[in-house]
C-alpha atoms as a PDB file:
ATOM      1  CA  MET A   1     -64.910 -42.273   4.910  1.00  0.00           C
ATOM      2  CA  ALA A   2     -62.387 -45.022   5.292  1.00  0.00           C
ATOM      3  CA  PRO A   3     -59.377 -44.346   7.520  1.00  0.00           C
ATOM      4  CA  PRO A   4     -56.056 -43.985   5.722  1.00  0.00           C
ATOM      5  CA  ARG A   5     -54.000 -47.082   5.437  1.00  0.00           C
ATOM      6  CA  PRO A   6     -50.803 -47.087   7.499  1.00  0.00           C
ATOM      7  CA  GLY A   7     -47.792 -45.786   5.606  1.00  0.00           C
ATOM      8  CA  MET A   8     -49.877 -43.981   2.948  1.00  0.00           C
ATOM      9  CA  ARG A   9     -48.916 -40.465   4.124  1.00  0.00           C
ATOM     10  CA  PHE A  10     -45.262 -41.304   4.443  1.00  0.00           C
ATOM     11  CA  ALA A  11     -45.105 -42.849   0.993  1.00  0.00           C
ATOM     12  CA  ALA A  12     -46.482 -39.663  -0.502  1.00  0.00           C
ATOM     13  CA  ALA A  13     -43.906 -37.592   1.351  1.00  0.00           C
ATOM     14  CA  GLU A  14     -41.101 -39.791   0.100  1.00  0.00           C
ATOM     15  CA  THR A  15     -42.077 -39.324  -3.533  1.00  0.00           C
ATOM     16  CA  MET A  16     -42.442 -35.527  -3.289  1.00  0.00           C
ATOM     17  CA  PRO A  17     -39.581 -33.832  -5.227  1.00  0.00           C
ATOM     18  CA  ILE A  18     -37.466 -31.351  -3.328  1.00  0.00           C
ATOM     19  CA  ALA A  19     -36.058 -28.502  -5.395  1.00  0.00           C
ATOM     20  CA  PRO A  20     -32.491 -27.458  -4.510  1.00  0.00           C
ATOM     21  CA  VAL A  21     -32.082 -24.002  -3.050  1.00  0.00           C
ATOM     22  CA  SER A  22     -29.290 -21.986  -4.648  1.00  0.00           C
ATOM     23  CA  PRO A  23     -27.534 -19.581  -2.315  1.00  0.00           C
ATOM     24  CA  GLY A  24     -27.866 -15.895  -3.131  1.00  0.00           C
ATOM     25  CA  PRO A  25     -25.238 -13.188  -2.850  1.00  0.00           C
ATOM     26  CA  SER A  26     -26.041 -12.688   0.836  1.00  0.00           C
ATOM     27  CA  SER A  27     -25.393 -16.319   1.787  1.00  0.00           C
ATOM     28  CA  GLY A  28     -21.781 -15.595   2.645  1.00  0.00           C
ATOM     29  CA  ALA A  29     -20.228 -16.959  -0.523  1.00  0.00           C
ATOM     30  CA  SER A  30     -17.276 -14.974  -1.777  1.00  0.00           C
ATOM     31  CA  THR A  31     -17.954 -12.972  -4.937  1.00  0.00           C
ATOM     32  CA  GLY A  32     -14.358 -12.066  -5.654  1.00  0.00           C
ATOM     33  CA  PRO A  33     -10.941 -11.590  -4.111  1.00  0.00           C
ATOM     34  CA  SER A  34     -10.647  -8.920  -1.468  1.00  0.00           C
ATOM     35  CA  ALA A  35      -7.888  -7.881   0.893  1.00  0.00           C
ATOM     36  CA  GLY A  36      -8.677  -8.665   4.506  1.00  0.00           C
ATOM     37  CA  PRO A  37      -7.545  -6.686   7.564  1.00  0.00           C
ATOM     38  CA  GLU A  38      -4.495  -8.922   8.016  1.00  0.00           C
ATOM     39  CA  ALA A  39      -3.311  -8.334   4.441  1.00  0.00           C
ATOM     40  CA  LEU A  40      -3.825  -4.578   4.726  1.00  0.00           C
ATOM     41  CA  SER A  41      -2.022  -4.461   8.080  1.00  0.00           C
ATOM     42  CA  PHE A  42       0.947  -6.133   6.409  1.00  0.00           C
ATOM     43  CA  THR A  43       1.031  -4.181   3.168  1.00  0.00           C
ATOM     44  CA  LEU A  44       0.322  -0.672   4.468  1.00  0.00           C
ATOM     45  CA  PRO A  45       3.659  -0.245   6.323  1.00  0.00           C
ATOM     46  CA  LEU A  46       5.494  -1.588   3.275  1.00  0.00           C
ATOM     47  CA  LEU A  47       3.758   0.882   0.976  1.00  0.00           C
ATOM     48  CA  ALA A  48       4.207   3.772   3.397  1.00  0.00           C
ATOM     49  CA  GLY A  49       7.874   2.909   3.910  1.00  0.00           C
ATOM     50  CA  ALA A  50       8.465   2.682   0.168  1.00  0.00           C
ATOM     51  CA  ALA A  51       6.797   6.049  -0.450  1.00  0.00           C
ATOM     52  CA  ALA A  52       8.684   7.744   2.379  1.00  0.00           C
ATOM     53  CA  SER A  53      11.976   6.218   1.254  1.00  0.00           C
ATOM     54  CA  ALA A  54      11.455   7.208  -2.384  1.00  0.00           C
ATOM     55  CA  LEU A  55      10.478  10.826  -1.738  1.00  0.00           C
ATOM     56  CA  SER A  56      13.169  11.414   0.858  1.00  0.00           C
ATOM     57  CA  SER A  57      15.774   9.823  -1.448  1.00  0.00           C
ATOM     58  CA  VAL A  58      14.771  12.234  -4.208  1.00  0.00           C
ATOM     59  CA  ALA A  59      15.164  15.057  -1.702  1.00  0.00           C
ATOM     60  CA  LEU A  60      18.626  13.753  -0.780  1.00  0.00           C
ATOM     61  CA  VAL A  61      19.715  13.771  -4.426  1.00  0.00           C
ATOM     62  CA  VAL A  62      18.319  17.231  -5.141  1.00  0.00           C
ATOM     63  CA  CYS A  63      19.586  18.795  -1.921  1.00  0.00           C
ATOM     64  CA  GLY A  64      22.997  17.156  -2.281  1.00  0.00           C
ATOM     65  CA  HIS A  65      23.302  18.692  -5.724  1.00  0.00           C
ATOM     66  CA  LEU A  66      22.030  22.122  -4.674  1.00  0.00           C
ATOM     67  CA  ASP A  67      24.325  22.286  -1.683  1.00  0.00           C
ATOM     68  CA  GLY A  68      27.208  22.117  -4.154  1.00  0.00           C
ATOM     69  CA  ARG A  69      28.780  18.863  -3.094  1.00  0.00           C
ATOM     70  CA  SER A  70      27.434  15.731  -4.775  1.00  0.00           C
ATOM     71  CA  ALA A  71      24.027  14.280  -5.567  1.00  0.00           C
ATOM     72  CA  ALA A  72      25.180  10.831  -4.425  1.00  0.00           C
ATOM     73  CA  ALA A  73      27.162  11.841  -1.341  1.00  0.00           C
ATOM     74  CA  PRO A  74      24.200  12.039   1.115  1.00  0.00           C
ATOM     75  CA  THR A  75      23.024   8.530   0.184  1.00  0.00           C
ATOM     76  CA  ASN A  76      26.575   7.190   0.209  1.00  0.00           C
ATOM     77  CA  ALA A  77      27.007   8.484   3.731  1.00  0.00           C
ATOM     78  CA  THR A  78      24.275   6.208   5.050  1.00  0.00           C
ATOM     79  CA  ALA A  79      26.440   3.236   4.044  1.00  0.00           C
ATOM     80  CA  GLN A  80      28.588   4.019   7.107  1.00  0.00           C
ATOM     81  CA  TRP A  81      26.454   1.364   8.792  1.00  0.00           C
ATOM     82  CA  LEU A  82      28.592  -1.192   6.954  1.00  0.00           C
ATOM     83  CA  TRP A  83      31.721   0.600   5.778  1.00  0.00           C
ATOM     84  CA  GLY A  84      32.382   3.054   8.583  1.00  0.00           C
ATOM     85  CA  ARG A  85      33.454   6.681   8.228  1.00  0.00           C
ATOM     86  CA  ARG A  86      35.071   6.179   4.829  1.00  0.00           C
ATOM     87  CA  ALA A  87      31.524   6.139   3.423  1.00  0.00           C
ATOM     88  CA  LEU A  88      31.246   9.806   4.406  1.00  0.00           C
ATOM     89  CA  LEU A  89      34.036  10.683   1.972  1.00  0.00           C
ATOM     90  CA  LYS A  90      32.574   9.003  -1.117  1.00  0.00           C
ATOM     91  CA  THR A  91      30.913  11.346  -3.597  1.00  0.00           C
ATOM     92  CA  ALA A  92      30.600   9.192  -6.728  1.00  0.00           C
ATOM     93  CA  VAL A  93      27.802   6.753  -7.497  1.00  0.00           C
ATOM     94  CA  SER A  94      28.819   3.165  -6.731  1.00  0.00           C
ATOM     95  CA  ALA A  95      27.170  -0.127  -5.853  1.00  0.00           C
ATOM     96  CA  ARG A  96      29.312  -0.445  -2.733  1.00  0.00           C
ATOM     97  CA  TYR A  97      28.188   2.850  -1.203  1.00  0.00           C
ATOM     98  CA  THR A  98      25.170   4.255  -3.086  1.00  0.00           C
ATOM     99  CA  VAL A  99      23.189   1.014  -3.315  1.00  0.00           C
ATOM    100  CA  VAL A 100      24.031  -0.031   0.225  1.00  0.00           C
ATOM    101  CA  GLY A 101      23.201   3.439   1.491  1.00  0.00           C
ATOM    102  CA  TYR A 102      19.824   3.386  -0.210  1.00  0.00           C
ATOM    103  CA  LEU A 103      19.006  -0.083   1.124  1.00  0.00           C
ATOM    104  CA  VAL A 104      19.804   1.014   4.664  1.00  0.00           C
ATOM    105  CA  HIS A 105      17.723   4.145   4.212  1.00  0.00           C
ATOM    106  CA  HIS A 106      14.827   2.121   2.789  1.00  0.00           C
ATOM    107  CA  ALA A 107      14.949  -0.366   5.662  1.00  0.00           C
ATOM    108  CA  MET A 108      14.868   2.406   8.258  1.00  0.00           C
ATOM    109  CA  SER A 109      12.052   4.155   6.400  1.00  0.00           C
ATOM    110  CA  THR A 110      10.027   0.947   6.531  1.00  0.00           C
ATOM    111  CA  LEU A 111      10.728   0.588  10.252  1.00  0.00           C
ATOM    112  CA  TRP A 112       9.439   4.097  10.901  1.00  0.00           C
ATOM    113  CA  ALA A 113       6.439   3.389   8.686  1.00  0.00           C
ATOM    114  CA  VAL A 114       5.607   0.394  10.897  1.00  0.00           C
ATOM    115  CA  ILE A 115       5.846   2.631  13.976  1.00  0.00           C
ATOM    116  CA  HIS A 116       3.689   5.258  12.280  1.00  0.00           C
ATOM    117  CA  CYS A 117       0.999   2.709  11.375  1.00  0.00           C
ATOM    118  CA  ARG A 118       0.997   1.433  14.952  1.00  0.00           C
ATOM    119  CA  MET A 119       0.568   4.920  16.354  1.00  0.00           C
ATOM    120  CA  HIS A 120      -2.045   5.910  13.768  1.00  0.00           C
ATOM    121  CA  PRO A 121      -3.971   2.828  12.574  1.00  0.00           C
ATOM    122  CA  ARG A 122      -5.828   3.090   9.283  1.00  0.00           C
ATOM    123  CA  ARG A 123      -9.501   4.021   9.397  1.00  0.00           C
ATOM    124  CA  ALA A 124     -12.492   2.867   7.354  1.00  0.00           C
ATOM    125  CA  THR A 125     -13.165   6.480   6.323  1.00  0.00           C
ATOM    126  CA  PRO A 126     -10.352   8.864   5.348  1.00  0.00           C
ATOM    127  CA  ARG A 127      -9.301  11.211   8.114  1.00  0.00           C
ATOM    128  CA  PRO A 128      -8.966  14.932   7.315  1.00  0.00           C
ATOM    129  CA  LEU A 129      -5.965  15.788   5.151  1.00  0.00           C
ATOM    130  CA  VAL A 130      -4.582  18.212   7.726  1.00  0.00           C
ATOM    131  CA  ARG A 131      -4.642  15.509  10.378  1.00  0.00           C
ATOM    132  CA  THR A 132      -2.928  13.015   8.076  1.00  0.00           C
ATOM    133  CA  LEU A 133      -0.146  15.511   7.342  1.00  0.00           C
ATOM    134  CA  THR A 134       0.198  16.460  11.010  1.00  0.00           C
ATOM    135  CA  GLU A 135       0.516  12.849  12.114  1.00  0.00           C
ATOM    136  CA  ALA A 136       3.122  12.155   9.428  1.00  0.00           C
ATOM    137  CA  ALA A 137       5.069  15.270  10.415  1.00  0.00           C
ATOM    138  CA  GLY A 138       5.028  14.103  14.028  1.00  0.00           C
ATOM    139  CA  THR A 139       6.509  10.747  13.048  1.00  0.00           C
ATOM    140  CA  ALA A 140       9.187  12.450  10.950  1.00  0.00           C
ATOM    141  CA  ALA A 141      10.069  14.754  13.853  1.00  0.00           C
ATOM    142  CA  LEU A 142      10.297  11.759  16.189  1.00  0.00           C
ATOM    143  CA  ALA A 143      12.562  10.000  13.691  1.00  0.00           C
ATOM    144  CA  TYR A 144      14.846  13.041  13.569  1.00  0.00           C
ATOM    145  CA  VAL A 145      15.081  13.237  17.359  1.00  0.00           C
ATOM    146  CA  VAL A 146      15.883   9.535  17.661  1.00  0.00           C
ATOM    147  CA  ASP A 147      18.379   9.663  14.771  1.00  0.00           C
ATOM    148  CA  TYR A 148      20.417  12.464  16.310  1.00  0.00           C
ATOM    149  CA  THR A 149      20.101  11.987  20.059  1.00  0.00           C
ATOM    150  CA  VAL A 150      20.011   8.359  21.185  1.00  0.00           C
ATOM    151  CA  THR A 151      21.354   6.647  18.050  1.00  0.00           C
ATOM    152  CA  PRO A 152      25.086   5.819  18.053  1.00  0.00           C
ATOM    153  CA  GLN A 153      27.191   7.904  15.682  1.00  0.00           C
ATOM    154  CA  ARG A 154      27.862   5.116  13.208  1.00  0.00           C
ATOM    155  CA  LEU A 155      24.153   4.188  12.950  1.00  0.00           C
ATOM    156  CA  ARG A 156      22.997   7.729  12.196  1.00  0.00           C
ATOM    157  CA  PRO A 157      21.830   8.623   8.668  1.00  0.00           C
ATOM    158  CA  GLY A 158      25.142  10.298   7.863  1.00  0.00           C
ATOM    159  CA  PHE A 159      23.793  12.712   5.282  1.00  0.00           C
ATOM    160  CA  GLU A 160      23.970  15.541   7.818  1.00  0.00           C
ATOM    161  CA  HIS A 161      27.663  15.721   6.899  1.00  0.00           C
ATOM    162  CA  HIS A 162      26.749  16.834   3.366  1.00  0.00           C
ATOM    163  CA  LEU A 163      23.552  18.853   3.794  1.00  0.00           C
ATOM    164  CA  SER A 164      22.681  22.246   5.230  1.00  0.00           C
ATOM    165  CA  GLY A 165      20.082  22.667   7.937  1.00  0.00           C
ATOM    166  CA  ARG A 166      17.514  23.763   5.384  1.00  0.00           C
ATOM    167  CA  SER A 167      18.183  20.699   3.256  1.00  0.00           C
ATOM    168  CA  MET A 168      17.853  18.449   6.291  1.00  0.00           C
ATOM    169  CA  LEU A 169      14.431  19.951   6.922  1.00  0.00           C
ATOM    170  CA  ALA A 170      13.468  19.301   3.302  1.00  0.00           C
ATOM    171  CA  VAL A 171      14.541  15.647   3.518  1.00  0.00           C
ATOM    172  CA  TYR A 172      12.495  14.939   6.634  1.00  0.00           C
ATOM    173  CA  ALA A 173       9.555  16.877   5.197  1.00  0.00           C
ATOM    174  CA  ALA A 174       9.696  14.675   2.091  1.00  0.00           C
ATOM    175  CA  PHE A 175       9.789  11.638   4.350  1.00  0.00           C
ATOM    176  CA  ALA A 176       6.643  12.856   6.140  1.00  0.00           C
ATOM    177  CA  LEU A 177       4.936  13.545   2.821  1.00  0.00           C
ATOM    178  CA  GLY A 178       5.587   9.982   1.701  1.00  0.00           C
ATOM    179  CA  LEU A 179       3.954   8.597   4.839  1.00  0.00           C
ATOM    180  CA  ALA A 180       0.954  10.902   4.423  1.00  0.00           C
ATOM    181  CA  VAL A 181       0.447  10.073   0.736  1.00  0.00           C
ATOM    182  CA  ALA A 182       0.457   6.323   1.402  1.00  0.00           C
ATOM    183  CA  MET A 183      -1.907   6.561   4.369  1.00  0.00           C
ATOM    184  CA  ARG A 184      -4.268   8.853   2.494  1.00  0.00           C
ATOM    185  CA  ALA A 185      -4.327   6.663  -0.610  1.00  0.00           C
ATOM    186  CA  MET A 186      -5.019   3.478   1.351  1.00  0.00           C
ATOM    187  CA  GLU A 187      -7.788   5.049   3.432  1.00  0.00           C
ATOM    188  CA  ALA A 188      -9.402   6.536   0.324  1.00  0.00           C
ATOM    189  CA  ARG A 189      -9.297   3.133  -1.358  1.00  0.00           C
ATOM    190  CA  GLU A 190     -10.883   1.426   1.625  1.00  0.00           C
ATOM    191  CA  GLY A 191     -13.514   4.153   1.907  1.00  0.00           C
ATOM    192  CA  ALA A 192     -14.472   3.758  -1.753  1.00  0.00           C
ATOM    193  CA  ARG A 193     -14.661   0.003  -1.372  1.00  0.00           C
ATOM    194  CA  GLY A 194     -16.907   0.349   1.686  1.00  0.00           C
ATOM    195  CA  GLU A 195     -19.256   2.713  -0.139  1.00  0.00           C
ATOM    196  CA  ALA A 196     -19.459   0.354  -3.102  1.00  0.00           C
ATOM    197  CA  SER A 197     -20.342  -2.538  -0.789  1.00  0.00           C
ATOM    198  CA  ALA A 198     -23.005  -0.451   0.933  1.00  0.00           C
ATOM    199  CA  ARG A 199     -24.620   0.433  -2.410  1.00  0.00           C
ATOM    200  CA  THR A 200     -24.759  -3.200  -3.558  1.00  0.00           C
ATOM    201  CA  PRO A 201     -28.342  -4.497  -3.016  1.00  0.00           C
ATOM    202  CA  THR A 202     -28.713  -7.732  -1.113  1.00  0.00           C
ATOM    203  CA  GLN A 203     -30.762 -10.516  -2.657  1.00  0.00           C
ATOM    204  CA  ALA A 204     -32.653 -13.018  -0.535  1.00  0.00           C
ATOM    205  CA  PRO A 205     -32.067 -16.703  -1.271  1.00  0.00           C
ATOM    206  CA  ALA A 206     -34.495 -18.142  -3.836  1.00  0.00           C
ATOM    207  CA  ARG A 207     -37.238 -20.348  -2.426  1.00  0.00           C
ATOM    208  CA  SER A 208     -38.966 -23.144  -4.280  1.00  0.00           C
ATOM    209  CA  ASP A 209     -42.300 -24.581  -3.131  1.00  0.00           C
ATOM    210  CA  ALA A 210     -42.945 -28.051  -4.472  1.00  0.00           C
ATOM    211  CA  PRO A 211     -46.532 -28.753  -5.576  1.00  0.00           C
END
């Protein structure tokens, strides 16, 4: 048997076709848009603040009406941040007092939602409903204590001038409910997404052996 000529083996290797390997689903390629932890950390306080602001604002309107004064007066009173004590005397709906009062209330609701999310970070699996409600109630109670103890008079909510003690309780309870609903909804969404990802089968990358 004659020995192989030099370069024969390498020439054969050079002419051998190499099939491209297409990456499978498990190769790390993105299969669709998804919200990362940074996006969720940014949006959750905004959603929780919006829910807490909306529900507590509804409570302000209803309680203001039931207490026999004005549905707009409690929200108008919060505009004392800008307009001083004359905001406490306004009972009609107006852009100057009602809109400003709501914006102030919404901003403070968002601030407390940020604090709440820092104290109780979201979890991959939903926490028990009772715990979610208890944590939200604790944040609402803390907000009440801060609002009416260490906060200067002009920077207080102001609607205490138009609401009874029972109505005040209802407003802060609605605020807590808004926080709880947002936290619960986001955790349930993340839990469902995690379960869907766990059920998705992984496919190994395709291999091609050249003849």
